């Protein structure tokens, strides 16, 4: 399946893992209330303070908190950017896996949204590629770069769910979006996320820089370094399933991420 990154838009993928699945924001707005709950939870947004208020409220005093109206405006704006092939926004869900069969496809498989069976949804975060752009790089020519981000509700910070989400997203970025480089940033004080990037082999991109959204330490990986990063993530997931139920453990035997 090919995915356009310029021109008339992108195919809307569904990425299926062992304990999570990812899809683009629903155009109908059925995710809006769940997204609002996350955006109003200051603890979940501890390391992304620029999301505490809607963008149009950042420089205003007093600032007005997120509402269903501003969430809808955010969704429509992001969808317009995505339709131009300049972003890929994803919502993250926990799901009870279906009963496995011998024909179950063992790899996380992108499908069209309409092709996925209805399952119970529990939204736990959002992220994806806020920007996809072509850039010129000295010595390596033109590159297709995706800027990666992830926000999880705080009850799901542990248990390696973030690792699984990033694995699915990054893999899709390289395999289907044909990115040559992926970047990500986190605040210097976010010890856990900085440790994550360094542990899995992301390259530290200079010293922290400040912009209108705060101070950020940037990292990157390339298509060439991705296999080693992917192997490290898979090794972690193979030994870390603290939130997995017995039923899901049985499911894992049929749908390992590494197959």
Protein backbone atom coordinates (compact mmCIF):
# COMPACT_ATOMS: atom_id res chain seq x y z
CA UNK A 1 0.00 0.00 0.00
CA UNK A 2 1.44 3.34 -1.07
CA UNK A 3 0.80 6.55 0.85
CA UNK A 4 1.01 9.97 -0.78
CA UNK A 5 2.94 12.60 1.12
CA UNK A 6 2.40 15.45 -1.32
CA UNK A 7 -0.42 16.47 -3.54
CA UNK A 8 -3.98 15.38 -2.90
CA UNK A 9 -3.62 13.81 0.52
CA UNK A 10 -2.81 10.58 2.30
CA UNK A 11 -4.38 7.19 2.82
CA UNK A 12 -5.77 7.00 6.37
CA UNK A 13 -4.00 4.07 8.04
CA UNK A 14 -4.92 1.92 10.98
CA UNK A 15 -1.82 0.52 12.70
CA UNK A 16 -2.44 -2.56 14.84
CA UNK A 17 -0.12 -3.74 17.60
CA UNK A 18 -0.43 -6.26 20.41
CA UNK A 19 -2.03 -3.94 22.98
CA UNK A 20 -2.69 -0.72 21.10
CA UNK A 21 -4.00 0.44 17.77
CA UNK A 22 -3.58 3.78 16.06
CA UNK A 23 -5.73 5.60 13.55
CA UNK A 24 -6.23 9.09 12.19
CA UNK A 25 -8.68 11.41 13.98
CA UNK A 26 -12.23 10.62 12.96
CA UNK A 27 -13.69 13.35 10.75
CA UNK A 28 -17.07 13.00 12.45
CA UNK A 29 -15.66 14.26 15.75
CA UNK A 30 -16.38 11.10 17.73
CA UNK A 31 -12.92 11.37 19.34
CA UNK A 32 -13.38 14.99 20.43
CA UNK A 33 -14.65 14.34 23.96
CA UNK A 34 -11.86 11.83 24.69
CA UNK A 35 -9.24 14.19 23.30
CA UNK A 36 -10.65 17.06 25.37
CA UNK A 37 -10.32 14.98 28.54
CA UNK A 38 -6.60 14.44 27.82
CA UNK A 39 -6.01 18.10 26.93
CA UNK A 40 -7.62 19.23 30.19
CA UNK A 41 -5.43 16.91 32.26
CA UNK A 42 -2.42 19.04 33.22
CA UNK A 43 -0.57 16.00 34.61
CA UNK A 44 -0.71 14.25 31.23
CA UNK A 45 0.58 17.45 29.59
CA UNK A 46 3.35 17.97 32.14
CA UNK A 47 6.08 17.93 29.49
CA UNK A 48 4.15 19.71 26.72
CA UNK A 49 2.99 22.90 28.49
CA UNK A 50 2.33 24.64 25.17
CA UNK A 51 -0.71 22.34 24.85
CA UNK A 52 -2.27 23.54 28.11
CA UNK A 53 -4.33 26.04 26.12
CA UNK A 54 -5.54 26.28 22.51
CA UNK A 55 -2.98 27.90 20.16
CA UNK A 56 -5.04 31.07 19.75
CA UNK A 57 -5.05 31.48 23.56
CA UNK A 58 -1.30 31.23 24.11
CA UNK A 59 -0.65 34.99 24.08
CA UNK A 60 -3.96 36.11 25.58
CA UNK A 61 -4.75 36.94 29.19
CA UNK A 62 -6.77 35.54 30.77
CA UNK A 63 -6.43 32.35 28.75
CA UNK A 64 -9.46 30.14 28.14
CA UNK A 65 -9.09 26.35 28.62
CA UNK A 66 -9.75 23.84 25.89
CA UNK A 67 -13.40 23.23 24.94
CA UNK A 68 -15.18 20.98 22.46
CA UNK A 69 -15.29 23.95 20.10
CA UNK A 70 -11.52 24.55 20.18
CA UNK A 71 -10.85 20.80 19.92
CA UNK A 72 -13.03 20.72 16.80
CA UNK A 73 -11.16 23.70 15.33
CA UNK A 74 -7.85 21.97 16.07
CA UNK A 75 -9.04 18.77 14.39
CA UNK A 76 -10.23 20.58 11.27
CA UNK A 77 -7.01 22.56 10.98
CA UNK A 78 -4.85 19.46 11.38
CA UNK A 79 -7.01 17.50 8.94
CA UNK A 80 -6.49 20.21 6.31
CA UNK A 81 -2.72 19.96 6.78
CA UNK A 82 -2.89 16.18 6.58
CA UNK A 83 -4.97 16.28 3.40
CA UNK A 84 -2.12 18.21 1.79
CA UNK A 85 0.26 15.39 2.70
CA UNK A 86 2.14 17.60 5.16
CA UNK A 87 1.28 15.70 8.35
CA UNK A 88 -0.05 12.39 9.65
CA UNK A 89 -2.00 12.76 12.89
CA UNK A 90 -2.84 9.67 14.94
CA UNK A 91 -5.00 8.83 17.93
CA UNK A 92 -3.96 5.95 20.20
CA UNK A 93 -6.32 3.34 21.60
CA UNK A 94 -6.29 0.34 23.89
CA UNK A 95 -8.38 -2.53 22.63
CA UNK A 96 -9.40 -6.01 23.61
CA UNK A 97 -7.92 -8.08 20.81
CA UNK A 98 -10.18 -10.30 18.70
CA UNK A 99 -10.02 -14.07 19.14
CA UNK A 100 -6.97 -15.10 17.10
CA UNK A 101 -7.23 -17.55 14.24
CA UNK A 102 -4.51 -19.45 12.34
CA UNK A 103 -4.87 -16.95 9.50
CA UNK A 104 -4.29 -13.87 11.65
CA UNK A 105 -1.75 -11.60 9.98
CA UNK A 106 1.24 -11.49 12.35
CA UNK A 107 2.51 -7.98 11.54
CA UNK A 108 1.00 -4.58 12.36
CA UNK A 109 -1.02 -4.06 9.18
CA UNK A 110 -2.18 -0.67 7.91
CA UNK A 111 -5.69 -0.76 6.50
CA UNK A 112 -8.29 1.73 5.45
CA UNK A 113 -10.43 2.98 8.32
CA UNK A 114 -13.57 1.56 6.74
CA UNK A 115 -12.06 -1.93 6.59
CA UNK A 116 -11.45 -2.26 10.34
CA UNK A 117 -14.00 -4.17 12.39
CA UNK A 118 -15.69 -2.22 15.15
CA UNK A 119 -13.99 -2.79 18.50
CA UNK A 120 -14.23 -1.22 21.90
CA UNK A 121 -12.24 2.01 21.92
CA UNK A 122 -10.34 3.53 24.82
CA UNK A 123 -8.37 6.56 23.69
CA UNK A 124 -5.13 6.96 25.62
CA UNK A 125 -3.26 9.61 23.67
CA UNK A 126 -2.42 11.28 20.40
CA UNK A 127 0.55 12.13 18.23
CA UNK A 128 2.02 11.14 14.88
CA UNK A 129 3.84 13.45 12.48
CA UNK A 130 2.91 17.07 13.01
CA UNK A 131 4.96 18.01 9.97
CA UNK A 132 6.21 16.13 6.92
CA UNK A 133 8.43 18.12 4.61
CA UNK A 134 11.18 17.85 2.04
CA UNK A 135 14.43 19.46 3.08
CA UNK A 136 17.79 19.98 1.42
CA UNK A 137 20.76 18.48 3.25
CA UNK A 138 24.39 19.15 2.37
CA UNK A 139 26.04 15.96 1.22
CA UNK A 140 22.89 13.82 1.20
CA UNK A 141 20.63 15.73 -1.17
CA UNK A 142 16.91 16.12 -0.58
CA UNK A 143 15.39 14.37 2.41
CA UNK A 144 11.80 13.61 3.36
CA UNK A 145 11.58 14.36 7.09
CA UNK A 146 8.79 13.63 9.55
CA UNK A 147 8.66 15.42 12.91
CA UNK A 148 7.38 12.89 15.42
CA UNK A 149 5.40 13.51 18.60
CA UNK A 150 3.52 11.53 21.23
CA UNK A 151 1.27 12.49 24.16
CA UNK A 152 -0.04 9.75 26.46
CA UNK A 153 -2.51 10.16 29.31
CA UNK A 154 -0.54 9.79 32.54
CA UNK A 155 -2.10 6.47 33.69
CA UNK A 156 -0.48 4.88 30.60
CA UNK A 157 3.02 6.31 30.93
CA UNK A 158 4.37 2.99 32.21
CA UNK A 159 4.11 -0.49 30.77
CA UNK A 160 5.95 0.18 27.47
CA UNK A 161 2.78 1.29 25.67
CA UNK A 162 4.67 4.36 24.45
CA UNK A 163 7.40 2.12 23.05
CA UNK A 164 4.83 0.08 21.14
CA UNK A 165 3.13 3.21 19.80
CA UNK A 166 6.41 4.72 18.64
CA UNK A 167 7.49 1.43 17.06
CA UNK A 168 4.29 1.26 15.01
CA UNK A 169 4.48 4.91 14.01
CA UNK A 170 8.17 5.02 13.09
CA UNK A 171 7.96 1.76 11.17
CA UNK A 172 5.03 3.12 9.17
CA UNK A 173 6.91 6.34 8.53
CA UNK A 174 9.88 4.59 6.99
CA UNK A 175 8.05 1.73 5.26
CA UNK A 176 4.95 3.46 3.90
CA UNK A 177 5.56 7.20 3.99
CA UNK A 178 9.11 6.61 2.68
CA UNK A 179 10.64 9.07 5.13
CA UNK A 180 14.42 9.26 5.06
CA UNK A 181 14.72 10.89 8.47
CA UNK A 182 12.54 11.24 11.56
CA UNK A 183 12.99 13.90 14.22
CA UNK A 184 11.60 14.30 17.72
CA UNK A 185 12.01 16.73 20.57
CA UNK A 186 11.45 16.72 24.31
CA UNK A 187 12.08 19.12 27.15
CA UNK A 188 15.50 18.79 28.82
CA UNK A 189 13.71 18.15 32.12
CA UNK A 190 11.78 15.19 30.76
CA UNK A 191 14.23 12.64 32.13
CA UNK A 192 12.25 9.56 31.05
CA UNK A 193 11.86 10.66 27.42
CA UNK A 194 15.49 11.75 27.08
CA UNK A 195 16.55 8.39 28.50
CA UNK A 196 14.22 6.64 26.04
CA UNK A 197 15.76 8.34 23.01
CA UNK A 198 19.29 7.74 24.17
CA UNK A 199 18.66 4.11 25.17
CA UNK A 200 17.22 3.18 21.79
CA UNK A 201 19.88 4.85 19.70
CA UNK A 202 18.34 8.13 18.58
CA UNK A 203 21.03 10.68 17.74
CA UNK A 204 21.15 13.80 19.90
CA UNK A 205 20.90 16.81 17.59
CA UNK A 206 23.00 19.51 19.21
CA UNK A 207 22.19 21.38 22.40
CA UNK A 208 18.71 22.35 23.64
CA UNK A 209 17.08 25.16 21.68
CA UNK A 210 14.31 27.54 22.68
CA UNK A 211 11.29 28.50 20.59
CA UNK A 212 7.86 29.94 21.28
CA UNK A 213 6.74 26.60 22.78
CA UNK A 214 9.60 26.26 25.27
CA UNK A 215 13.05 24.69 25.38
CA UNK A 216 13.60 21.44 23.50
CA UNK A 217 16.27 18.81 23.09
CA UNK A 218 16.04 17.38 19.58
CA UNK A 219 16.87 13.86 18.41
CA UNK A 220 16.72 12.07 15.08
CA UNK A 221 16.99 8.70 13.38
CA UNK A 222 17.52 7.87 9.72
CA UNK A 223 16.47 5.02 7.49
CA UNK A 224 19.98 3.59 7.91
CA UNK A 225 19.95 3.64 11.72
CA UNK A 226 16.35 2.48 12.07
CA UNK A 227 17.00 -1.32 11.97
CA UNK A 228 19.11 -1.16 15.13
CA UNK A 229 16.56 1.10 16.87
CA UNK A 230 13.73 -1.22 15.84
CA UNK A 231 15.59 -4.29 17.14
CA UNK A 232 16.16 -2.60 20.52
CA UNK A 233 12.47 -1.67 20.79
CA UNK A 234 11.36 -5.19 19.91
CA UNK A 235 13.71 -6.65 22.51
CA UNK A 236 12.21 -4.34 25.13
CA UNK A 237 8.64 -5.24 24.20
CA UNK A 238 9.43 -8.95 24.26
CA UNK A 239 10.24 -8.69 27.96
CA UNK A 240 7.88 -5.94 29.10
CA UNK A 241 4.16 -6.63 29.13
CA UNK A 242 3.08 -5.60 32.65
CA UNK A 243 -0.40 -4.47 31.59
CA UNK A 244 -1.12 -7.55 29.51
CA UNK A 245 -3.98 -9.84 30.48
CA UNK A 246 -3.86 -13.61 30.16
CA UNK A 247 -6.16 -13.39 27.13
CA UNK A 248 -3.81 -10.89 25.50
CA UNK A 249 -0.80 -13.08 26.28
CA UNK A 250 -2.45 -15.82 24.27
CA UNK A 251 -3.07 -13.29 21.50
CA UNK A 252 0.60 -12.31 21.50
CA UNK A 253 1.53 -15.81 20.42
CA UNK A 254 -0.31 -15.18 17.16
CA UNK A 255 0.53 -11.51 16.58
CA UNK A 256 4.10 -10.78 17.69
CA UNK A 257 5.33 -7.35 16.61
CA UNK A 258 8.61 -8.84 15.48
CA UNK A 259 7.19 -11.30 12.96
